[in-house]
Structures are given as C-alpha cells and as structure tokens.
C-alpha cells in the first residue's frame, strides 16, 4: 500500500526566508512507522523534524513527535512554532490547541492573522538545577575560549531544564559572543560528565537592536554544533532571570525579546513571557513568527 504525506520546510523565529531556525513539518504522519519517521528526518537533515499525528485521548487535540537526524526528541520549541504556523493556515484551524508530545502537554495559541501571525507556546516553568563547581567552570570556559573576566558576575553558570538540559552562561557583553571558539569534541565530553546536553551563552548587554538579550548555543552532544535559535533555552533563561531579579516585572509578568542566530547568518527573535505564582515562576510563554520556505509531498 502506498502512502503520501505532506512535507513543509519552515524557518521559525523569523519572517525572513533562510533565516531563523529551519524545521521540517510532516502532516498526516499516522501512517508512518517510527523507522520511517527517523528515515525522513535523516533525509531532510534539519536539526529537527516534527511529525503531526491524531489525538489519542480527550486531554489533547493532536500529537507531535520530533526527530533529529539521529534520534527522537521529547520536545522542540522551534519545530513546534513551525508546526502550528503550518496548521494555522489550514481551513478551520483553531486558535488554541493542546499538543501532546513525549515531554507532556503544551498549550499553543495563534496570535494575530496572516503572514505575521505569532505562535505562542505555554509550558510549565522549567526547573533550575545546580550551579557548576569551579573545576567544571574552568573546563567549560577553556572549551569555549572564553576568558573568566568576560563572565557576568550577576549570573552564576547554572544547569537548567529537565528532559534536555542546558548550561546557562552569562557574559558581560554581546561583543564577547563573537569571540567564542568552541572545542566541540571537548564540550561533548563535558556534557556527559556534567549532565548538561548543551551550552547557552547569553548577555544582558546585547549588540543587536530591539532586544534585551543576545545568545549563542552549542549542543555537540546532540549532534548540533551550533543551534541557530532556541525557544526552549530562552524559556529556561526567562526563569533564570526571574529567579535572579535581573529583568523588570510588569503586571505580574517578566517579558523580554532574545536575539540569536546572527552569528550564523540566520538571525532570529524569540519572545518570552514568564508567569508567576506569588514570587515563583509558574509558566513560560515562548513566542515566535515563522515563514514557509517550500512544501512538497512524499510517497512511500
């Protein structure tokens, strides 16, 4: 029996084609086996490809599985933005959707209409873990070719996240991000030793306009030398900055825009909004725009 699926290539966290973070979106994936999903992700060779499937219970409206070229991932922020950018253009699309993944159920909200619409993802606030010790800190800095004096003293290097963790590293200026020269093999080894799957290096003094933070992220242990634009890591950053009180809170929420990807000539923007329950972060909204690059069909 032959089966045909629709495939979309989408750039997320941008309105400019060939910028932001690319993702594949495969619709009608219920007919595909796990091995076929993995093979399609490998063929498309994006950092991540999303496969959209029918719901299995009343607590969600659809399921999405994410695959890198190597393996399945629990949840991917930019691929979720890409998925709902595609779905929101279909006739009868809902403005609010409950998406189930291996990482749990996320609320998705389509804000606005037309090409400039925004996709907002609401998640529980990611947990903040431990600060790394001095030995680990020196090893990471050496692997990034980052001088200790470039670290922002307000921002202790800390591991954040649950299913896929990131080490958050604050530097004094966005200028220091240009100077990073990551030793990918060593960073991959350190990931296994420290329990941090990637390294999110950010600054509260960005060089880019119309944003409050600027960042780069390296995930060689996941097969991603440098990620263009990460929604998940920006969500972790939002909770981290809320804990440290480094950005203002207005109307009970912390809001900021993060710039990433320009060092790879794929500039993008991520909007973050942190909700509070009392003084504690309770949820994070990750918001981004997207643009279609191409669409096609595949018959198996």
Protein backbone atom coordinates (compact mmCIF):
# COMPACT_ATOMS: atom_id res chain seq x y z
CA UNK A 1 0.00 0.00 0.00
CA UNK A 2 1.42 3.39 -0.97
CA UNK A 3 1.11 6.32 1.42
CA UNK A 4 1.58 10.02 0.74
CA UNK A 5 2.48 12.65 3.34
CA UNK A 6 2.77 16.42 3.02
CA UNK A 7 6.14 17.90 3.96
CA UNK A 8 6.73 21.57 4.77
CA UNK A 9 10.07 23.31 5.26
CA UNK A 10 9.64 26.26 7.63
CA UNK A 11 12.01 28.83 9.11
CA UNK A 12 10.97 29.61 12.70
CA UNK A 13 11.59 32.70 14.85
CA UNK A 14 11.86 34.89 11.77
CA UNK A 15 9.83 36.40 8.94
CA UNK A 16 12.75 36.15 6.50
CA UNK A 17 13.35 33.02 4.46
CA UNK A 18 16.71 31.32 5.04
CA UNK A 19 17.00 32.95 8.47
CA UNK A 20 15.92 31.82 11.94
CA UNK A 21 15.84 28.10 12.72
CA UNK A 22 14.75 25.65 9.98
CA UNK A 23 12.44 22.74 10.72
CA UNK A 24 10.61 20.09 8.76
CA UNK A 25 6.89 19.55 9.38
CA UNK A 26 5.24 16.32 8.19
CA UNK A 27 1.44 16.26 8.18
CA UNK A 28 -0.69 13.13 8.31
CA UNK A 29 2.09 11.06 9.82
CA UNK A 30 -0.19 8.42 11.38
CA UNK A 31 0.57 6.03 8.52
CA UNK A 32 4.33 6.21 9.15
CA UNK A 33 6.29 3.80 11.30
CA UNK A 34 8.85 5.10 13.77
CA UNK A 35 11.62 3.84 11.48
CA UNK A 36 10.11 5.79 8.56
CA UNK A 37 9.86 8.95 10.63
CA UNK A 38 13.51 8.61 11.55
CA UNK A 39 14.46 8.00 7.91
CA UNK A 40 12.53 11.08 6.74
CA UNK A 41 14.18 13.23 9.42
CA UNK A 42 17.56 11.93 8.31
CA UNK A 43 16.73 12.66 4.67
CA UNK A 44 15.53 16.22 5.38
CA UNK A 45 18.61 16.72 7.59
CA UNK A 46 17.18 19.60 9.62
CA UNK A 47 18.18 19.79 13.24
CA UNK A 48 14.58 18.69 13.94
CA UNK A 49 11.54 17.47 12.02
CA UNK A 50 8.03 17.40 13.52
CA UNK A 51 5.52 14.67 12.68
CA UNK A 52 1.86 15.54 13.26
CA UNK A 53 -0.48 12.73 14.38
CA UNK A 54 -4.08 12.37 15.50
CA UNK A 55 -5.03 12.72 19.17
CA UNK A 56 -5.33 9.58 21.30
CA UNK A 57 -7.29 10.93 24.28
CA UNK A 58 -9.60 13.76 25.30
CA UNK A 59 -6.88 15.76 27.10
CA UNK A 60 -5.17 16.86 23.84
CA UNK A 61 -6.08 17.88 20.31
CA UNK A 62 -3.14 16.42 18.42
CA UNK A 63 0.17 14.67 18.94
CA UNK A 64 3.59 15.69 17.63
CA UNK A 65 6.74 13.59 17.56
CA UNK A 66 10.12 15.21 16.97
CA UNK A 67 13.11 13.57 15.34
CA UNK A 68 16.63 14.79 14.81
CA UNK A 69 18.62 13.03 12.05
CA UNK A 70 19.89 10.75 14.84
CA UNK A 71 17.09 10.12 17.32
CA UNK A 72 13.70 11.12 18.71
CA UNK A 73 13.49 14.21 20.94
CA UNK A 74 10.92 14.85 23.68
CA UNK A 75 10.04 18.44 22.72
CA UNK A 76 11.43 21.04 20.31
CA UNK A 77 10.39 24.69 20.56
CA UNK A 78 11.23 25.97 17.07
CA UNK A 79 9.70 22.89 15.42
CA UNK A 80 6.52 23.46 17.44
CA UNK A 81 6.36 27.05 16.17
CA UNK A 82 6.89 25.73 12.64
CA UNK A 83 4.19 23.06 13.08
CA UNK A 84 1.49 25.43 14.23
CA UNK A 85 2.44 28.03 11.66
CA UNK A 86 1.60 25.38 9.05
CA UNK A 87 -1.54 24.09 10.81
CA UNK A 88 -2.92 27.59 11.45
CA UNK A 89 -3.06 28.20 7.67
CA UNK A 90 -5.38 25.22 7.11
CA UNK A 91 -9.16 25.76 6.76
CA UNK A 92 -10.98 25.65 10.09
CA UNK A 93 -7.80 25.86 12.16
CA UNK A 94 -8.33 26.54 15.87
CA UNK A 95 -6.67 29.49 17.58
CA UNK A 96 -5.91 27.41 20.69
CA UNK A 97 -4.61 23.84 20.58
CA UNK A 98 -3.41 21.32 23.17
CA UNK A 99 -0.35 19.49 21.84
CA UNK A 100 0.86 16.23 23.35
CA UNK A 101 4.49 15.17 23.00
CA UNK A 102 6.85 12.90 24.89
CA UNK A 103 7.59 15.98 27.01
CA UNK A 104 3.97 16.39 28.09
CA UNK A 105 1.05 18.58 27.01
CA UNK A 106 1.71 22.15 25.90
CA UNK A 107 -0.87 24.85 25.17
CA UNK A 108 -0.47 26.52 21.79
CA UNK A 109 -2.06 29.86 20.90
CA UNK A 110 -2.10 31.52 17.47
CA UNK A 111 -1.94 35.29 17.93
CA UNK A 112 -3.00 37.51 15.03
CA UNK A 113 -3.63 36.60 11.43
CA UNK A 114 -1.86 36.45 8.10
CA UNK A 115 1.83 36.08 7.42
CA UNK A 116 2.80 37.98 10.57
CA UNK A 117 0.84 35.79 13.00
CA UNK A 118 2.67 34.64 16.11
CA UNK A 119 2.75 31.16 17.60
CA UNK A 120 2.83 31.14 21.41
CA UNK A 121 3.70 28.02 23.42
CA UNK A 122 2.82 27.80 27.11
CA UNK A 123 4.80 25.38 29.26
CA UNK A 124 5.32 24.78 32.95
CA UNK A 125 8.35 26.71 34.18
CA UNK A 126 11.44 24.59 33.52
CA UNK A 127 13.36 23.64 36.67
CA UNK A 128 16.64 25.27 37.59
CA UNK A 129 19.33 22.86 38.71
CA UNK A 130 22.72 23.18 40.27
CA UNK A 131 25.49 25.71 39.82
CA UNK A 132 28.58 24.10 38.36
CA UNK A 133 31.71 23.94 40.51
CA UNK A 134 34.97 25.83 39.90
CA UNK A 135 36.66 22.90 38.16
CA UNK A 136 33.74 22.46 35.77
CA UNK A 137 33.52 26.19 35.16
CA UNK A 138 37.17 26.47 34.17
CA UNK A 139 36.90 23.46 31.87
CA UNK A 140 33.84 24.91 30.11
CA UNK A 141 35.42 28.35 29.74
CA UNK A 142 38.55 26.83 28.28
CA UNK A 143 36.45 24.76 25.84
CA UNK A 144 34.69 27.92 24.68
CA UNK A 145 37.90 30.02 24.56
CA UNK A 146 36.14 32.37 26.98
CA UNK A 147 38.15 34.49 29.41
CA UNK A 148 36.95 34.25 33.04
CA UNK A 149 36.85 38.03 33.20
CA UNK A 150 34.19 38.08 30.48
CA UNK A 151 31.64 36.35 32.74
CA UNK A 152 28.80 38.48 34.06
CA UNK A 153 29.27 38.37 37.86
CA UNK A 154 25.50 38.62 38.35
CA UNK A 155 24.92 35.34 36.51
CA UNK A 156 26.34 32.16 38.07
CA UNK A 157 26.71 29.35 35.47
CA UNK A 158 23.82 27.02 36.20
CA UNK A 159 22.26 23.90 34.66
CA UNK A 160 18.58 24.30 33.76
CA UNK A 161 15.86 22.10 32.31
CA UNK A 162 14.62 18.57 32.83
CA UNK A 163 14.37 16.32 29.76
CA UNK A 164 17.07 18.16 27.82
CA UNK A 165 19.30 20.32 29.98
CA UNK A 166 21.36 23.40 29.16
CA UNK A 167 24.19 25.14 30.99
CA UNK A 168 23.33 28.86 31.14
CA UNK A 169 26.43 31.07 30.96
CA UNK A 170 26.13 34.86 31.21
CA UNK A 171 28.78 37.14 29.71
CA UNK A 172 29.22 40.87 30.23
CA UNK A 173 28.61 41.97 26.64
CA UNK A 174 27.24 40.66 23.38
CA UNK A 175 30.65 41.54 21.93
CA UNK A 176 32.12 38.58 23.84
CA UNK A 177 29.81 36.20 21.95
CA UNK A 178 31.65 36.97 18.71
CA UNK A 179 34.89 35.72 20.22
CA UNK A 180 33.70 32.24 21.19
CA UNK A 181 35.70 29.40 19.59
CA UNK A 182 34.06 26.20 20.84
CA UNK A 183 36.02 22.97 21.06
CA UNK A 184 33.06 20.79 20.10
CA UNK A 185 34.65 17.45 20.95
CA UNK A 186 35.60 18.61 24.43
CA UNK A 187 32.21 20.23 25.04
CA UNK A 188 30.53 16.97 24.08
CA UNK A 189 32.68 15.09 26.61
CA UNK A 190 31.91 17.66 29.31
CA UNK A 191 28.18 17.27 28.60
CA UNK A 192 28.37 13.64 29.64
CA UNK A 193 30.35 14.48 32.76
CA UNK A 194 28.21 17.41 33.96
CA UNK A 195 24.75 16.37 32.81
CA UNK A 196 24.24 19.39 30.52
CA UNK A 197 23.29 18.50 26.94
CA UNK A 198 24.14 21.98 25.63
CA UNK A 199 25.67 25.37 26.41
CA UNK A 200 23.58 28.54 26.17
CA UNK A 201 25.84 31.59 26.35
CA UNK A 202 23.94 34.87 26.71
CA UNK A 203 24.38 38.55 27.51
CA UNK A 204 22.10 41.15 29.05
CA UNK A 205 24.04 43.82 27.10
CA UNK A 206 23.17 42.87 23.51
CA UNK A 207 24.75 44.30 20.37
CA UNK A 208 21.53 43.73 18.40
CA UNK A 209 18.64 46.24 18.29
CA UNK A 210 15.17 45.79 19.74
CA UNK A 211 16.03 43.04 22.21
CA UNK A 212 17.04 42.62 25.84
CA UNK A 213 19.28 39.56 25.49
CA UNK A 214 21.63 38.10 22.90
CA UNK A 215 22.82 34.49 22.83
CA UNK A 216 24.58 31.60 21.13
CA UNK A 217 24.05 27.89 21.86
CA UNK A 218 26.25 24.85 21.27
CA UNK A 219 24.92 21.27 21.55
CA UNK A 220 27.56 18.94 20.04
CA UNK A 221 26.46 16.07 22.30
CA UNK A 222 23.10 16.20 20.47
CA UNK A 223 24.73 16.39 17.05
CA UNK A 224 24.13 20.16 16.79
CA UNK A 225 27.41 22.13 16.67
CA UNK A 226 25.56 25.45 16.99
CA UNK A 227 21.79 25.89 17.19
CA UNK A 228 20.59 28.96 15.26
CA UNK A 229 17.67 29.99 17.52
CA UNK A 230 16.39 28.07 20.55
CA UNK A 231 12.96 28.64 22.05
CA UNK A 232 13.44 26.11 24.87
CA UNK A 233 16.71 27.63 26.06
CA UNK A 234 15.19 31.11 26.06
CA UNK A 235 12.37 29.74 28.23
CA UNK A 236 14.98 28.43 30.68
CA UNK A 237 16.69 31.82 30.56
CA UNK A 238 13.43 33.54 31.43
CA UNK A 239 13.01 31.51 34.62
CA UNK A 240 16.70 32.01 35.47
CA UNK A 241 16.49 35.80 35.06
CA UNK A 242 13.27 35.86 37.07
CA UNK A 243 14.95 33.99 39.92
CA UNK A 244 17.87 36.42 39.93
CA UNK A 245 15.69 39.52 39.50
CA UNK A 246 17.75 40.78 36.57
CA UNK A 247 14.87 42.00 34.39
CA UNK A 248 11.87 44.07 35.46
CA UNK A 249 8.47 42.52 36.17
CA UNK A 250 5.41 44.45 34.98
CA UNK A 251 1.78 43.50 35.66
CA UNK A 252 2.98 40.32 37.37
CA UNK A 253 4.95 39.09 34.34
CA UNK A 254 8.54 39.21 33.12
CA UNK A 255 8.81 39.88 29.38
CA UNK A 256 11.77 40.13 27.04
CA UNK A 257 12.92 39.52 23.48
CA UNK A 258 16.03 37.45 22.81
CA UNK A 259 18.22 37.68 19.70
CA UNK A 260 20.08 34.64 18.40
CA UNK A 261 21.32 33.23 15.11
CA UNK A 262 23.03 36.29 13.62
CA UNK A 263 26.46 34.74 14.23
CA UNK A 264 25.38 32.00 11.79
CA UNK A 265 23.81 34.48 9.35
CA UNK A 266 20.39 33.15 10.42
CA UNK A 267 19.11 35.97 12.66
CA UNK A 268 16.02 35.30 14.73
CA UNK A 269 13.96 36.66 17.61
CA UNK A 270 12.26 34.82 20.48
CA UNK A 271 9.63 36.41 22.72
CA UNK A 272 9.49 35.23 26.33
CA UNK A 273 6.87 35.88 28.99
CA UNK A 274 7.15 34.37 32.48
CA UNK A 275 4.02 33.92 34.60
CA UNK A 276 4.31 33.92 38.39
CA UNK A 277 2.50 32.14 41.20
CA UNK A 278 3.30 34.51 44.02
CA UNK A 279 7.04 35.11 43.75
CA UNK A 280 7.80 31.84 41.94
CA UNK A 281 7.80 31.39 38.16
CA UNK A 282 4.90 29.10 37.27
CA UNK A 283 4.82 29.02 33.47
CA UNK A 284 6.64 30.33 30.43
CA UNK A 285 5.26 31.52 27.09
CA UNK A 286 7.66 31.10 24.15
CA UNK A 287 6.52 33.15 21.16
CA UNK A 288 7.78 33.34 17.59
CA UNK A 289 6.87 34.02 14.00
CA UNK A 290 7.68 31.84 11.02
CA UNK A 291 7.84 31.73 7.24
CA UNK A 292 7.30 28.91 4.75
CA UNK A 293 10.29 28.01 2.57
CA UNK A 294 8.76 25.22 0.48
CA UNK A 295 6.26 22.37 0.62
CA UNK A 296 6.12 19.06 -1.19
CA UNK A 297 4.74 15.53 -0.89
CA UNK A 298 6.46 12.21 -0.35
CA UNK A 299 5.03 8.89 -1.45
CA UNK A 300 6.24 5.72 0.24
